[in-house]
Full PDB file with SEQRES, HELIX, SHEET, SSBOND, CRYST1, ORIGX, SCALE, CONECT and MASTER records, all heavy atoms in Angstrom:
SEQRES   1 A   37  ILE THR GLU TRP ASP ASP PHE THR GLY ARG PHE ALA ALA          
SEQRES   2 A   37  VAL ASP SER VAL ASP VAL ARG ALA ARG VAL SER GLY TYR          
SEQRES   3 A   37  VAL ASP LYS VAL THR PHE GLU GLU GLY THR LEU                  
CRYST1    1.000    1.000    1.000  90.00  90.00  90.00 P 1           1          
ORIGX1      1.000000  0.000000  0.000000        0.00000                         
ORIGX2      0.000000  1.000000  0.000000        0.00000                         
ORIGX3      0.000000  0.000000  1.000000        0.00000                         
SCALE1      1.000000  0.000000  0.000000        0.00000                         
SCALE2      0.000000  1.000000  0.000000        0.00000                         
SCALE3      0.000000  0.000000  1.000000        0.00000                         
ATOM      1  N   ILE A   1      30.137 -26.988  -8.924  1.00  0.00           N  
ATOM      2  CA  ILE A   1      28.798 -27.319  -8.429  1.00  0.00           C  
ATOM      3  C   ILE A   1      28.862 -27.622  -6.940  1.00  0.00           C  
ATOM      4  O   ILE A   1      29.928 -27.897  -6.374  1.00  0.00           O  
ATOM      5  CB  ILE A   1      28.204 -28.532  -9.173  1.00  0.00           C  
ATOM      6  CG1 ILE A   1      29.050 -29.785  -8.910  1.00  0.00           C  
ATOM      7  CG2 ILE A   1      28.052 -28.255 -10.653  1.00  0.00           C  
ATOM      8  CD1 ILE A   1      28.394 -31.062  -9.388  1.00  0.00           C  
ATOM      9  N   THR A   2      27.701 -27.560  -6.309  1.00  0.00           N  
ATOM     10  CA  THR A   2      27.515 -27.988  -4.926  1.00  0.00           C  
ATOM     11  C   THR A   2      26.325 -28.930  -4.891  1.00  0.00           C  
ATOM     12  O   THR A   2      25.227 -28.570  -5.340  1.00  0.00           O  
ATOM     13  CB  THR A   2      27.260 -26.789  -3.998  1.00  0.00           C  
ATOM     14  OG1 THR A   2      28.385 -25.904  -4.038  1.00  0.00           O  
ATOM     15  CG2 THR A   2      27.055 -27.257  -2.562  1.00  0.00           C  
ATOM     16  N   GLU A   3      26.520 -30.122  -4.388  1.00  0.00           N  
ATOM     17  CA  GLU A   3      25.440 -31.091  -4.293  1.00  0.00           C  
ATOM     18  C   GLU A   3      24.592 -30.784  -3.052  1.00  0.00           C  
ATOM     19  O   GLU A   3      25.116 -30.486  -1.993  1.00  0.00           O  
ATOM     20  CB  GLU A   3      26.002 -32.506  -4.216  1.00  0.00           C  
ATOM     21  CG  GLU A   3      26.796 -32.899  -5.454  1.00  0.00           C  
ATOM     22  CD  GLU A   3      27.280 -34.340  -5.400  1.00  0.00           C  
ATOM     23  OE1 GLU A   3      26.735 -35.098  -4.565  1.00  0.00           O  
ATOM     24  OE2 GLU A   3      28.185 -34.692  -6.173  1.00  0.00           O  
ATOM     25  N   TRP A   4      23.277 -30.886  -3.228  1.00  0.00           N  
ATOM     26  CA  TRP A   4      22.346 -30.558  -2.158  1.00  0.00           C  
ATOM     27  C   TRP A   4      21.603 -31.809  -1.697  1.00  0.00           C  
ATOM     28  O   TRP A   4      21.240 -32.651  -2.511  1.00  0.00           O  
ATOM     29  CB  TRP A   4      21.336 -29.508  -2.618  1.00  0.00           C  
ATOM     30  CG  TRP A   4      21.959 -28.189  -2.937  1.00  0.00           C  
ATOM     31  CD1 TRP A   4      22.635 -27.846  -4.071  1.00  0.00           C  
ATOM     32  CD2 TRP A   4      21.978 -27.033  -2.110  1.00  0.00           C  
ATOM     33  NE1 TRP A   4      23.072 -26.554  -4.004  1.00  0.00           N  
ATOM     34  CE2 TRP A   4      22.678 -26.019  -2.812  1.00  0.00           C  
ATOM     35  CE3 TRP A   4      21.462 -26.736  -0.854  1.00  0.00           C  
ATOM     36  CZ2 TRP A   4      22.878 -24.749  -2.292  1.00  0.00           C  
ATOM     37  CZ3 TRP A   4      21.650 -25.466  -0.329  1.00  0.00           C  
ATOM     38  CH2 TRP A   4      22.349 -24.499  -1.041  1.00  0.00           C  
ATOM     39  N   ASP A   5      21.401 -31.910  -0.385  1.00  0.00           N  
ATOM     40  CA  ASP A   5      20.607 -32.991   0.198  1.00  0.00           C  
ATOM     41  C   ASP A   5      19.269 -32.422   0.666  1.00  0.00           C  
ATOM     42  O   ASP A   5      19.212 -31.317   1.219  1.00  0.00           O  
ATOM     43  CB  ASP A   5      21.337 -33.634   1.379  1.00  0.00           C  
ATOM     44  CG  ASP A   5      22.630 -34.313   0.943  1.00  0.00           C  
ATOM     45  OD1 ASP A   5      22.696 -34.757  -0.214  1.00  0.00           O  
ATOM     46  OD2 ASP A   5      23.566 -34.381   1.764  1.00  0.00           O  
ATOM     47  N   ASP A   6      18.210 -33.187   0.466  1.00  0.00           N  
ATOM     48  CA  ASP A   6      16.870 -32.734   0.811  1.00  0.00           C  
ATOM     49  C   ASP A   6      16.337 -33.486   2.021  1.00  0.00           C  
ATOM     50  O   ASP A   6      16.532 -34.703   2.158  1.00  0.00           O  
ATOM     51  CB  ASP A   6      15.908 -32.937  -0.365  1.00  0.00           C  
ATOM     52  CG  ASP A   6      16.263 -32.051  -1.553  1.00  0.00           C  
ATOM     53  OD1 ASP A   6      16.908 -31.012  -1.327  1.00  0.00           O  
ATOM     54  OD2 ASP A   6      15.897 -32.409  -2.690  1.00  0.00           O  
ATOM     55  N   PHE A   7      15.661 -32.748   2.893  1.00  0.00           N  
ATOM     56  CA  PHE A   7      14.994 -33.317   4.060  1.00  0.00           C  
ATOM     57  C   PHE A   7      13.635 -32.632   4.205  1.00  0.00           C  
ATOM     58  O   PHE A   7      13.440 -31.500   3.770  1.00  0.00           O  
ATOM     59  CB  PHE A   7      15.817 -33.111   5.339  1.00  0.00           C  
ATOM     60  CG  PHE A   7      17.188 -33.716   5.292  1.00  0.00           C  
ATOM     61  CD1 PHE A   7      18.281 -32.953   4.900  1.00  0.00           C  
ATOM     62  CD2 PHE A   7      17.389 -35.047   5.623  1.00  0.00           C  
ATOM     63  CE1 PHE A   7      19.555 -33.498   4.845  1.00  0.00           C  
ATOM     64  CE2 PHE A   7      18.651 -35.607   5.574  1.00  0.00           C  
ATOM     65  CZ  PHE A   7      19.732 -34.831   5.178  1.00  0.00           C  
ATOM     66  N   THR A   8      12.707 -33.340   4.819  1.00  0.00           N  
ATOM     67  CA  THR A   8      11.374 -32.781   5.039  1.00  0.00           C  
ATOM     68  C   THR A   8      11.235 -32.352   6.501  1.00  0.00           C  
ATOM     69  O   THR A   8      11.872 -32.918   7.396  1.00  0.00           O  
ATOM     70  CB  THR A   8      10.280 -33.801   4.704  1.00  0.00           C  
ATOM     71  OG1 THR A   8      10.471 -34.983   5.500  1.00  0.00           O  
ATOM     72  CG2 THR A   8      10.329 -34.162   3.239  1.00  0.00           C  
ATOM     73  N   GLY A   9      10.402 -31.374   6.715  1.00  0.00           N  
ATOM     74  CA  GLY A   9      10.162 -30.875   8.063  1.00  0.00           C  
ATOM     75  C   GLY A   9       8.991 -29.917   8.074  1.00  0.00           C  
ATOM     76  O   GLY A   9       8.256 -29.793   7.095  1.00  0.00           O  
ATOM     77  N   ARG A  10       8.821 -29.219   9.190  1.00  0.00           N  
ATOM     78  CA  ARG A  10       7.715 -28.287   9.336  1.00  0.00           C  
ATOM     79  C   ARG A  10       8.187 -26.998   9.999  1.00  0.00           C  
ATOM     80  O   ARG A  10       9.145 -26.998  10.775  1.00  0.00           O  
ATOM     81  CB  ARG A  10       6.571 -28.907  10.164  1.00  0.00           C  
ATOM     82  CG  ARG A  10       5.877 -30.058   9.436  1.00  0.00           C  
ATOM     83  CD  ARG A  10       4.600 -30.479  10.132  1.00  0.00           C  
ATOM     84  NE  ARG A  10       3.953 -31.580   9.414  1.00  0.00           N  
ATOM     85  CZ  ARG A  10       3.128 -31.413   8.386  1.00  0.00           C  
ATOM     86  NH1 ARG A  10       2.840 -30.188   7.981  1.00  0.00           N  
ATOM     87  NH2 ARG A  10       2.584 -32.443   7.792  1.00  0.00           N  
ATOM     88  N   PHE A  11       7.471 -25.939   9.677  1.00  0.00           N  
ATOM     89  CA  PHE A  11       7.786 -24.634  10.237  1.00  0.00           C  
ATOM     90  C   PHE A  11       7.210 -24.516  11.649  1.00  0.00           C  
ATOM     91  O   PHE A  11       6.196 -25.129  11.990  1.00  0.00           O  
ATOM     92  CB  PHE A  11       7.224 -23.517   9.357  1.00  0.00           C  
ATOM     93  CG  PHE A  11       7.961 -23.350   8.054  1.00  0.00           C  
ATOM     94  CD1 PHE A  11       7.500 -23.967   6.900  1.00  0.00           C  
ATOM     95  CD2 PHE A  11       9.104 -22.580   7.993  1.00  0.00           C  
ATOM     96  CE1 PHE A  11       8.168 -23.809   5.698  1.00  0.00           C  
ATOM     97  CE2 PHE A  11       9.790 -22.431   6.785  1.00  0.00           C  
ATOM     98  CZ  PHE A  11       9.319 -23.041   5.651  1.00  0.00           C  
ATOM     99  N   ALA A  12       7.881 -23.709  12.452  1.00  0.00           N  
ATOM    100  CA  ALA A  12       7.432 -23.434  13.813  1.00  0.00           C  
ATOM    101  C   ALA A  12       7.740 -21.980  14.140  1.00  0.00           C  
ATOM    102  O   ALA A  12       8.701 -21.400  13.633  1.00  0.00           O  
ATOM    103  CB  ALA A  12       8.113 -24.364  14.831  1.00  0.00           C  
ATOM    104  N   ALA A  13       6.916 -21.399  14.992  1.00  0.00           N  
ATOM    105  CA  ALA A  13       7.115 -20.011  15.381  1.00  0.00           C  
ATOM    106  C   ALA A  13       8.294 -19.904  16.342  1.00  0.00           C  
ATOM    107  O   ALA A  13       8.539 -20.804  17.157  1.00  0.00           O  
ATOM    108  CB  ALA A  13       5.857 -19.454  16.038  1.00  0.00           C  
ATOM    109  N   VAL A  14       9.017 -18.807  16.238  1.00  0.00           N  
ATOM    110  CA  VAL A  14      10.116 -18.567  17.178  1.00  0.00           C  
ATOM    111  C   VAL A  14       9.576 -18.409  18.591  1.00  0.00           C  
ATOM    112  O   VAL A  14      10.118 -18.951  19.549  1.00  0.00           O  
ATOM    113  CB  VAL A  14      10.918 -17.314  16.746  1.00  0.00           C  
ATOM    114  CG1 VAL A  14      11.993 -16.987  17.775  1.00  0.00           C  
ATOM    115  CG2 VAL A  14      11.541 -17.529  15.376  1.00  0.00           C  
ATOM    116  N   ASP A  15       8.487 -17.654  18.731  1.00  0.00           N  
ATOM    117  CA  ASP A  15       7.844 -17.443  20.035  1.00  0.00           C  
ATOM    118  C   ASP A  15       6.375 -17.798  19.931  1.00  0.00           C  
ATOM    119  O   ASP A  15       5.702 -17.457  18.949  1.00  0.00           O  
ATOM    120  CB  ASP A  15       7.990 -15.990  20.496  1.00  0.00           C  
ATOM    121  CG  ASP A  15       9.437 -15.581  20.699  1.00  0.00           C  
ATOM    122  OD1 ASP A  15      10.159 -16.333  21.371  1.00  0.00           O  
ATOM    123  OD2 ASP A  15       9.838 -14.520  20.191  1.00  0.00           O  
ATOM    124  N   SER A  16       5.875 -18.467  20.945  1.00  0.00           N  
ATOM    125  CA  SER A  16       4.462 -18.804  21.041  1.00  0.00           C  
ATOM    126  C   SER A  16       4.029 -18.642  22.495  1.00  0.00           C  
ATOM    127  O   SER A  16       4.665 -19.200  23.403  1.00  0.00           O  
ATOM    128  CB  SER A  16       4.205 -20.236  20.560  1.00  0.00           C  
ATOM    129  OG  SER A  16       2.845 -20.575  20.699  1.00  0.00           O  
ATOM    130  N   VAL A  17       2.972 -17.867  22.723  1.00  0.00           N  
ATOM    131  CA  VAL A  17       2.557 -17.531  24.087  1.00  0.00           C  
ATOM    132  C   VAL A  17       1.068 -17.810  24.246  1.00  0.00           C  
ATOM    133  O   VAL A  17       0.248 -17.373  23.418  1.00  0.00           O  
ATOM    134  CB  VAL A  17       2.844 -16.049  24.404  1.00  0.00           C  
ATOM    135  CG1 VAL A  17       2.325 -15.697  25.806  1.00  0.00           C  
ATOM    136  CG2 VAL A  17       4.327 -15.760  24.325  1.00  0.00           C  
ATOM    137  N   ASP A  18       0.721 -18.545  25.297  1.00  0.00           N  
ATOM    138  CA  ASP A  18      -0.674 -18.670  25.730  1.00  0.00           C  
ATOM    139  C   ASP A  18      -0.967 -17.493  26.655  1.00  0.00           C  
ATOM    140  O   ASP A  18      -0.374 -17.361  27.719  1.00  0.00           O  
ATOM    141  CB  ASP A  18      -0.898 -19.987  26.470  1.00  0.00           C  
ATOM    142  CG  ASP A  18      -0.893 -21.180  25.542  1.00  0.00           C  
ATOM    143  OD1 ASP A  18      -1.212 -21.006  24.357  1.00  0.00           O  
ATOM    144  OD2 ASP A  18      -0.558 -22.291  26.007  1.00  0.00           O  
ATOM    145  N   VAL A  19      -1.862 -16.629  26.222  1.00  0.00           N  
ATOM    146  CA  VAL A  19      -2.179 -15.423  26.988  1.00  0.00           C  
ATOM    147  C   VAL A  19      -3.115 -15.786  28.128  1.00  0.00           C  
ATOM    148  O   VAL A  19      -4.214 -16.308  27.903  1.00  0.00           O  
ATOM    149  CB  VAL A  19      -2.807 -14.347  26.080  1.00  0.00           C  
ATOM    150  CG1 VAL A  19      -3.142 -13.098  26.886  1.00  0.00           C  
ATOM    151  CG2 VAL A  19      -1.865 -14.009  24.936  1.00  0.00           C  
ATOM    152  N   ARG A  20      -2.680 -15.509  29.353  1.00  0.00           N  
ATOM    153  CA  ARG A  20      -3.479 -15.752  30.553  1.00  0.00           C  
ATOM    154  C   ARG A  20      -3.628 -14.462  31.347  1.00  0.00           C  
ATOM    155  O   ARG A  20      -2.785 -13.572  31.270  1.00  0.00           O  
ATOM    156  CB  ARG A  20      -2.821 -16.819  31.442  1.00  0.00           C  
ATOM    157  CG  ARG A  20      -2.850 -18.229  30.867  1.00  0.00           C  
ATOM    158  CD  ARG A  20      -2.167 -19.196  31.815  1.00  0.00           C  
ATOM    159  NE  ARG A  20      -2.384 -20.592  31.456  1.00  0.00           N  
ATOM    160  CZ  ARG A  20      -1.645 -21.279  30.618  1.00  0.00           C  
ATOM    161  NH1 ARG A  20      -0.603 -20.691  30.035  1.00  0.00           N  
ATOM    162  NH2 ARG A  20      -1.906 -22.540  30.326  1.00  0.00           N  
ATOM    163  N   ALA A  21      -4.702 -14.400  32.105  1.00  0.00           N  
ATOM    164  CA  ALA A  21      -4.912 -13.246  32.979  1.00  0.00           C  
ATOM    165  C   ALA A  21      -4.105 -13.427  34.264  1.00  0.00           C  
ATOM    166  O   ALA A  21      -3.958 -14.542  34.772  1.00  0.00           O  
ATOM    167  CB  ALA A  21      -6.397 -13.100  33.312  1.00  0.00           C  
ATOM    168  N   ARG A  22      -3.586 -12.322  34.793  1.00  0.00           N  
ATOM    169  CA  ARG A  22      -2.822 -12.367  36.045  1.00  0.00           C  
ATOM    170  C   ARG A  22      -3.690 -12.126  37.268  1.00  0.00           C  
ATOM    171  O   ARG A  22      -3.214 -12.287  38.396  1.00  0.00           O  
ATOM    172  CB  ARG A  22      -1.695 -11.336  36.003  1.00  0.00           C  
ATOM    173  CG  ARG A  22      -0.670 -11.611  34.914  1.00  0.00           C  
ATOM    174  CD  ARG A  22       0.537 -10.720  35.096  1.00  0.00           C  
ATOM    175  NE  ARG A  22       1.541 -10.961  34.073  1.00  0.00           N  
ATOM    176  CZ  ARG A  22       2.759 -10.407  34.055  1.00  0.00           C  
ATOM    177  NH1 ARG A  22       3.100  -9.566  35.012  1.00  0.00           N  
ATOM    178  NH2 ARG A  22       3.606 -10.670  33.091  1.00  0.00           N  
ATOM    179  N   VAL A  23      -4.926 -11.709  37.048  1.00  0.00           N  
ATOM    180  CA  VAL A  23      -5.868 -11.522  38.147  1.00  0.00           C  
ATOM    181  C   VAL A  23      -7.179 -12.199  37.768  1.00  0.00           C  
ATOM    182  O   VAL A  23      -7.502 -12.369  36.589  1.00  0.00           O  
ATOM    183  CB  VAL A  23      -6.105 -10.022  38.442  1.00  0.00           C  
ATOM    184  CG1 VAL A  23      -4.854  -9.376  38.997  1.00  0.00           C  
ATOM    185  CG2 VAL A  23      -6.586  -9.290  37.203  1.00  0.00           C  
ATOM    186  N   SER A  24      -7.935 -12.582  38.777  1.00  0.00           N  
ATOM    187  CA  SER A  24      -9.236 -13.211  38.547  1.00  0.00           C  
ATOM    188  C   SER A  24     -10.306 -12.143  38.405  1.00  0.00           C  
ATOM    189  O   SER A  24     -10.193 -11.028  38.934  1.00  0.00           O  
ATOM    190  CB  SER A  24      -9.578 -14.149  39.711  1.00  0.00           C  
ATOM    191  OG  SER A  24      -8.605 -15.167  39.840  1.00  0.00           O  
ATOM    192  N   GLY A  25     -11.357 -12.505  37.693  1.00  0.00           N  
ATOM    193  CA  GLY A  25     -12.466 -11.575  37.517  1.00  0.00           C  
ATOM    194  C   GLY A  25     -13.276 -11.916  36.279  1.00  0.00           C  
ATOM    195  O   GLY A  25     -13.009 -12.901  35.580  1.00  0.00           O  
ATOM    196  N   TYR A  26     -14.272 -11.087  36.022  1.00  0.00           N  
ATOM    197  CA  TYR A  26     -15.152 -11.279  34.875  1.00  0.00           C  
ATOM    198  C   TYR A  26     -14.654 -10.451  33.694  1.00  0.00           C  
ATOM    199  O   TYR A  26     -14.263  -9.291  33.854  1.00  0.00           O  
ATOM    200  CB  TYR A  26     -16.581 -10.879  35.231  1.00  0.00           C  
ATOM    201  CG  TYR A  26     -17.251 -11.833  36.192  1.00  0.00           C  
ATOM    202  CD1 TYR A  26     -17.159 -11.644  37.569  1.00  0.00           C  
ATOM    203  CD2 TYR A  26     -17.963 -12.938  35.724  1.00  0.00           C  
ATOM    204  CE1 TYR A  26     -17.761 -12.527  38.456  1.00  0.00           C  
ATOM    205  CE2 TYR A  26     -18.564 -13.827  36.605  1.00  0.00           C  
ATOM    206  CZ  TYR A  26     -18.462 -13.620  37.960  1.00  0.00           C  
ATOM    207  OH  TYR A  26     -19.041 -14.503  38.833  1.00  0.00           O  
ATOM    208  N   VAL A  27     -14.665 -11.061  32.506  1.00  0.00           N  
ATOM    209  CA  VAL A  27     -14.216 -10.363  31.299  1.00  0.00           C  
ATOM    210  C   VAL A  27     -15.201  -9.247  30.982  1.00  0.00           C  
ATOM    211  O   VAL A  27     -16.407  -9.477  30.846  1.00  0.00           O  
ATOM    212  CB  VAL A  27     -14.100 -11.338  30.111  1.00  0.00           C  
ATOM    213  CG1 VAL A  27     -13.710 -10.586  28.844  1.00  0.00           C  
ATOM    214  CG2 VAL A  27     -13.074 -12.414  30.412  1.00  0.00           C  
ATOM    215  N   ASP A  28     -14.659  -8.036  30.874  1.00  0.00           N  
ATOM    216  CA  ASP A  28     -15.493  -6.867  30.616  1.00  0.00           C  
ATOM    217  C   ASP A  28     -15.496  -6.469  29.138  1.00  0.00           C  
ATOM    218  O   ASP A  28     -16.522  -6.061  28.603  1.00  0.00           O  
ATOM    219  CB  ASP A  28     -14.989  -5.691  31.471  1.00  0.00           C  
ATOM    220  CG  ASP A  28     -15.946  -4.516  31.462  1.00  0.00           C  
ATOM    221  OD1 ASP A  28     -17.164  -4.745  31.481  1.00  0.00           O  
ATOM    222  OD2 ASP A  28     -15.466  -3.363  31.431  1.00  0.00           O  
ATOM    223  N   LYS A  29     -14.315  -6.600  28.459  1.00  0.00           N  
ATOM    224  CA  LYS A  29     -14.209  -6.206  27.064  1.00  0.00           C  
ATOM    225  C   LYS A  29     -13.232  -7.129  26.346  1.00  0.00           C  
ATOM    226  O   LYS A  29     -12.283  -7.631  26.946  1.00  0.00           O  
ATOM    227  CB  LYS A  29     -13.730  -4.755  26.920  1.00  0.00           C  
ATOM    228  CG  LYS A  29     -14.673  -3.713  27.477  1.00  0.00           C  
ATOM    229  CD  LYS A  29     -14.071  -2.319  27.309  1.00  0.00           C  
ATOM    230  CE  LYS A  29     -14.986  -1.251  27.898  1.00  0.00           C  
ATOM    231  NZ  LYS A  29     -14.382   0.105  27.794  1.00  0.00           N  
ATOM    232  N   VAL A  30     -13.459  -7.327  25.048  1.00  0.00           N  
ATOM    233  CA  VAL A  30     -12.511  -7.985  24.148  1.00  0.00           C  
ATOM    234  C   VAL A  30     -12.185  -6.958  23.070  1.00  0.00           C  
ATOM    235  O   VAL A  30     -13.064  -6.552  22.309  1.00  0.00           O  
ATOM    236  CB  VAL A  30     -13.096  -9.263  23.520  1.00  0.00           C  
ATOM    237  CG1 VAL A  30     -12.088  -9.889  22.566  1.00  0.00           C  
ATOM    238  CG2 VAL A  30     -13.488 -10.262  24.607  1.00  0.00           C  
ATOM    239  N   THR A  31     -10.920  -6.554  22.999  1.00  0.00           N  
ATOM    240  CA  THR A  31     -10.562  -5.381  22.178  1.00  0.00           C  
ATOM    241  C   THR A  31      -9.627  -5.721  21.027  1.00  0.00           C  
ATOM    242  O   THR A  31      -8.845  -4.883  20.597  1.00  0.00           O  
ATOM    243  CB  THR A  31      -9.913  -4.306  23.071  1.00  0.00           C  
ATOM    244  OG1 THR A  31      -8.779  -4.883  23.736  1.00  0.00           O  
ATOM    245  CG2 THR A  31     -10.883  -3.788  24.101  1.00  0.00           C  
ATOM    246  N   PHE A  32      -9.664  -6.931  20.504  1.00  0.00           N  
ATOM    247  CA  PHE A  32      -8.824  -7.275  19.364  1.00  0.00           C  
ATOM    248  C   PHE A  32      -9.655  -8.028  18.338  1.00  0.00           C  
ATOM    249  O   PHE A  32     -10.705  -8.600  18.654  1.00  0.00           O  
ATOM    250  CB  PHE A  32      -7.624  -8.130  19.784  1.00  0.00           C  
ATOM    251  CG  PHE A  32      -7.983  -9.530  20.206  1.00  0.00           C  
ATOM    252  CD1 PHE A  32      -7.903 -10.587  19.302  1.00  0.00           C  
ATOM    253  CD2 PHE A  32      -8.392  -9.809  21.502  1.00  0.00           C  
ATOM    254  CE1 PHE A  32      -8.225 -11.878  19.677  1.00  0.00           C  
ATOM    255  CE2 PHE A  32      -8.714 -11.101  21.887  1.00  0.00           C  
ATOM    256  CZ  PHE A  32      -8.637 -12.128  20.975  1.00  0.00           C  
ATOM    257  N   GLU A  33      -9.163  -8.018  17.103  1.00  0.00           N  
ATOM    258  CA  GLU A  33      -9.815  -8.754  16.020  1.00  0.00           C  
ATOM    259  C   GLU A  33      -9.098 -10.074  15.817  1.00  0.00           C  
ATOM    260  O   GLU A  33      -7.875 -10.111  15.663  1.00  0.00           O  
ATOM    261  CB  GLU A  33      -9.791  -7.929  14.729  1.00  0.00           C  
ATOM    262  CG  GLU A  33     -10.578  -8.550  13.587  1.00  0.00           C  
ATOM    263  CD  GLU A  33     -10.606  -7.671  12.354  1.00  0.00           C  
ATOM    264  OE1 GLU A  33     -10.158  -6.505  12.450  1.00  0.00           O  
ATOM    265  OE2 GLU A  33     -11.065  -8.148  11.295  1.00  0.00           O  
ATOM    266  N   GLU A  34      -9.837 -11.136  15.828  1.00  0.00           N  
ATOM    267  CA  GLU A  34      -9.258 -12.470  15.775  1.00  0.00           C  
ATOM    268  C   GLU A  34      -8.480 -12.684  14.476  1.00  0.00           C  
ATOM    269  O   GLU A  34      -8.923 -12.289  13.400  1.00  0.00           O  
ATOM    270  CB  GLU A  34     -10.360 -13.532  15.913  1.00  0.00           C  
ATOM    271  CG  GLU A  34     -11.109 -13.473  17.235  1.00  0.00           C  
ATOM    272  CD  GLU A  34     -12.289 -14.414  17.274  1.00  0.00           C  
ATOM    273  OE1 GLU A  34     -13.003 -14.487  16.253  1.00  0.00           O  
ATOM    274  OE2 GLU A  34     -12.500 -15.067  18.292  1.00  0.00           O  
ATOM    275  N   GLY A  35      -7.297 -13.322  14.608  1.00  0.00           N  
ATOM    276  CA  GLY A  35      -6.502 -13.670  13.441  1.00  0.00           C  
ATOM    277  C   GLY A  35      -5.679 -12.544  12.858  1.00  0.00           C  
ATOM    278  O   GLY A  35      -5.085 -12.719  11.795  1.00  0.00           O  
ATOM    279  N   THR A  36      -5.613 -11.410  13.532  1.00  0.00           N  
ATOM    280  CA  THR A  36      -4.864 -10.267  13.013  1.00  0.00           C  
ATOM    281  C   THR A  36      -3.491 -10.179  13.671  1.00  0.00           C  
ATOM    282  O   THR A  36      -3.193 -10.889  14.634  1.00  0.00           O  
ATOM    283  CB  THR A  36      -5.637  -8.963  13.249  1.00  0.00           C  
ATOM    284  OG1 THR A  36      -5.850  -8.790  14.664  1.00  0.00           O  
ATOM    285  CG2 THR A  36      -6.968  -8.994  12.534  1.00  0.00           C  
ATOM    286  N   LEU A  37      -2.670  -9.283  13.143  1.00  0.00           N  
ATOM    287  CA  LEU A  37      -1.356  -9.038  13.707  1.00  0.00           C  
ATOM    288  C   LEU A  37      -1.465  -8.032  14.842  1.00  0.00           C  
ATOM    289  O   LEU A  37      -2.171  -7.028  14.738  1.00  0.00           O  
ATOM    290  CB  LEU A  37      -0.389  -8.519  12.639  1.00  0.00           C  
ATOM    291  CG  LEU A  37      -0.065  -9.468  11.492  1.00  0.00           C  
ATOM    292  CD1 LEU A  37       0.831  -8.782  10.470  1.00  0.00           C  
ATOM    293  CD2 LEU A  37       0.604 -10.739  12.011  1.00  0.00           C  
TER     294      LEU A  37                                                      
MASTER        0    0    0    0    0    0    0    6  293    1    0    3          
END                                                                             
């Protein structure tokens, strides 16, 4: 047998990015569906 120890925790994404624009201006189009891959 192998004895197991239990601990609690939470999942986290390997990568997380806040998408920002690199140039200033007015938003002309939004071309993605929210919550999708």
